[in-house]
C-alpha atoms as a PDB file:
ATOM      1  CA  UNK A   1       0.442   0.359  -0.238  1.00  0.00           C
ATOM      2  CA  UNK A   2       0.977   3.116  -0.709  1.00  0.00           C
ATOM      3  CA  UNK A   3       2.319   6.083   1.880  1.00  0.00           C
ATOM      4  CA  UNK A   4       1.753   9.441  -0.585  1.00  0.00           C
ATOM      5  CA  UNK A   5      -1.301  11.565  -0.480  1.00  0.00           C
ATOM      6  CA  UNK A   6      -4.227  11.578  -2.606  1.00  0.00           C
ATOM      7  CA  UNK A   7      -3.810  14.784  -4.273  1.00  0.00           C
ATOM      8  CA  UNK A   8      -6.617  17.129  -4.716  1.00  0.00           C
ATOM      9  CA  UNK A   9      -8.161  19.716  -6.520  1.00  0.00           C
ATOM     10  CA  UNK A  10     -11.057  22.199  -5.139  1.00  0.00           C
ATOM     11  CA  UNK A  11     -13.647  23.016  -7.226  1.00  0.00           C
ATOM     12  CA  UNK A  12     -14.396  26.247  -6.131  1.00  0.00           C
ATOM     13  CA  UNK A  13     -12.449  28.767  -3.570  1.00  0.00           C
ATOM     14  CA  UNK A  14     -15.765  30.048  -0.790  1.00  0.00           C
ATOM     15  CA  UNK A  15     -18.497  28.707   0.402  1.00  0.00           C
ATOM     16  CA  UNK A  16     -18.452  25.278   1.880  1.00  0.00           C
ATOM     17  CA  UNK A  17     -15.060  24.913   0.256  1.00  0.00           C
ATOM     18  CA  UNK A  18     -13.524  26.917   2.349  1.00  0.00           C
ATOM     19  CA  UNK A  19     -15.194  26.565   5.416  1.00  0.00           C
ATOM     20  CA  UNK A  20     -15.692  22.920   5.049  1.00  0.00           C
ATOM     21  CA  UNK A  21     -13.562  21.012   2.475  1.00  0.00           C
ATOM     22  CA  UNK A  22     -10.161  22.290   2.972  1.00  0.00           C
ATOM     23  CA  UNK A  23     -10.338  22.598   6.425  1.00  0.00           C
ATOM     24  CA  UNK A  24     -11.518  18.746   7.014  1.00  0.00           C
ATOM     25  CA  UNK A  25      -9.201  17.315   4.127  1.00  0.00           C
ATOM     26  CA  UNK A  26      -6.558  18.861   5.862  1.00  0.00           C
ATOM     27  CA  UNK A  27      -6.864  17.360   9.109  1.00  0.00           C
ATOM     28  CA  UNK A  28      -6.777  13.549   7.302  1.00  0.00           C
ATOM     29  CA  UNK A  29      -2.946  12.232   6.530  1.00  0.00           C
ATOM     30  CA  UNK A  30      -4.554  10.040   3.549  1.00  0.00           C
ATOM     31  CA  UNK A  31      -4.785  13.876   1.385  1.00  0.00           C
ATOM     32  CA  UNK A  32      -3.156  16.715   0.135  1.00  0.00           C
ATOM     33  CA  UNK A  33      -4.809  20.119  -0.940  1.00  0.00           C
ATOM     34  CA  UNK A  34      -2.917  20.585  -3.710  1.00  0.00           C
ATOM     35  CA  UNK A  35      -5.154  22.777  -6.321  1.00  0.00           C
ATOM     36  CA  UNK A  36      -8.050  25.615  -6.115  1.00  0.00           C
ATOM     37  CA  UNK A  37     -10.047  26.385  -8.472  1.00  0.00           C
ATOM     38  CA  UNK A  38     -12.633  29.340  -9.347  1.00  0.00           C
ATOM     39  CA  UNK A  39     -14.499  31.566 -11.741  1.00  0.00           C
ATOM     40  CA  UNK A  40     -12.776  34.556 -10.908  1.00  0.00           C
ATOM     41  CA  UNK A  41      -8.328  34.421 -10.760  1.00  0.00           C
ATOM     42  CA  UNK A  42      -7.788  36.534  -7.559  1.00  0.00           C
ATOM     43  CA  UNK A  43     -10.736  34.679  -5.280  1.00  0.00           C
ATOM     44  CA  UNK A  44      -8.851  31.587  -6.113  1.00  0.00           C
ATOM     45  CA  UNK A  45      -5.070  32.882  -5.247  1.00  0.00           C
ATOM     46  CA  UNK A  46      -6.885  34.432  -2.114  1.00  0.00           C
ATOM     47  CA  UNK A  47      -7.795  30.447  -0.792  1.00  0.00           C
ATOM     48  CA  UNK A  48      -4.829  29.280  -1.981  1.00  0.00           C
ATOM     49  CA  UNK A  49      -2.645  31.678   0.031  1.00  0.00           C
ATOM     50  CA  UNK A  50      -5.076  31.513   3.169  1.00  0.00           C
ATOM     51  CA  UNK A  51      -4.812  27.679   3.293  1.00  0.00           C
ATOM     52  CA  UNK A  52      -1.201  27.190   1.915  1.00  0.00           C
ATOM     53  CA  UNK A  53      -2.551  25.505  -1.423  1.00  0.00           C
ATOM     54  CA  UNK A  54       0.354  25.251  -4.041  1.00  0.00           C
ATOM     55  CA  UNK A  55      -2.119  25.780  -7.078  1.00  0.00           C
ATOM     56  CA  UNK A  56      -4.449  27.869  -8.108  1.00  0.00           C
ATOM     57  CA  UNK A  57      -6.762  28.418 -10.714  1.00  0.00           C
ATOM     58  CA  UNK A  58      -9.255  30.503 -12.964  1.00  0.00           C
ATOM     59  CA  UNK A  59     -11.574  28.143 -13.843  1.00  0.00           C
ATOM     60  CA  UNK A  60     -11.734  28.932 -17.690  1.00  0.00           C
ATOM     61  CA  UNK A  61      -8.094  29.573 -18.482  1.00  0.00           C
ATOM     62  CA  UNK A  62      -7.541  25.893 -19.930  1.00  0.00           C
ATOM     63  CA  UNK A  63      -6.720  21.902 -19.160  1.00  0.00           C
ATOM     64  CA  UNK A  64      -5.409  22.890 -16.238  1.00  0.00           C
ATOM     65  CA  UNK A  65      -8.533  24.581 -14.527  1.00  0.00           C
ATOM     66  CA  UNK A  66     -10.509  21.825 -15.885  1.00  0.00           C
ATOM     67  CA  UNK A  67      -8.635  19.296 -13.793  1.00  0.00           C
ATOM     68  CA  UNK A  68      -5.484  17.645 -16.496  1.00  0.00           C
ATOM     69  CA  UNK A  69      -3.032  18.751 -13.249  1.00  0.00           C
ATOM     70  CA  UNK A  70      -0.507  16.443 -12.947  1.00  0.00           C
ATOM     71  CA  UNK A  71      -0.563  16.707  -9.528  1.00  0.00           C
ATOM     72  CA  UNK A  72      -4.086  16.341  -8.410  1.00  0.00           C
ATOM     73  CA  UNK A  73      -5.348  12.530  -8.038  1.00  0.00           C
ATOM     74  CA  UNK A  74      -9.170  13.741  -6.986  1.00  0.00           C
ATOM     75  CA  UNK A  75     -11.079  16.191  -8.014  1.00  0.00           C
END
């Protein structure tokens, strides 16, 4: 069994993502939130900075925002 965490991409930077999903996933060692995407790049960047998420994208910016980023395993 692998000990590498599952990389998670969060779509949506506000609402439940901010107060429920990201904080909960951060308590589980099996998961690592590695990407956040939002409608506005500013929102994605703010969420990434707030939660220490390494990558932020605006949803309309192409393949990386749609989920083709190489470090995520779960969207």
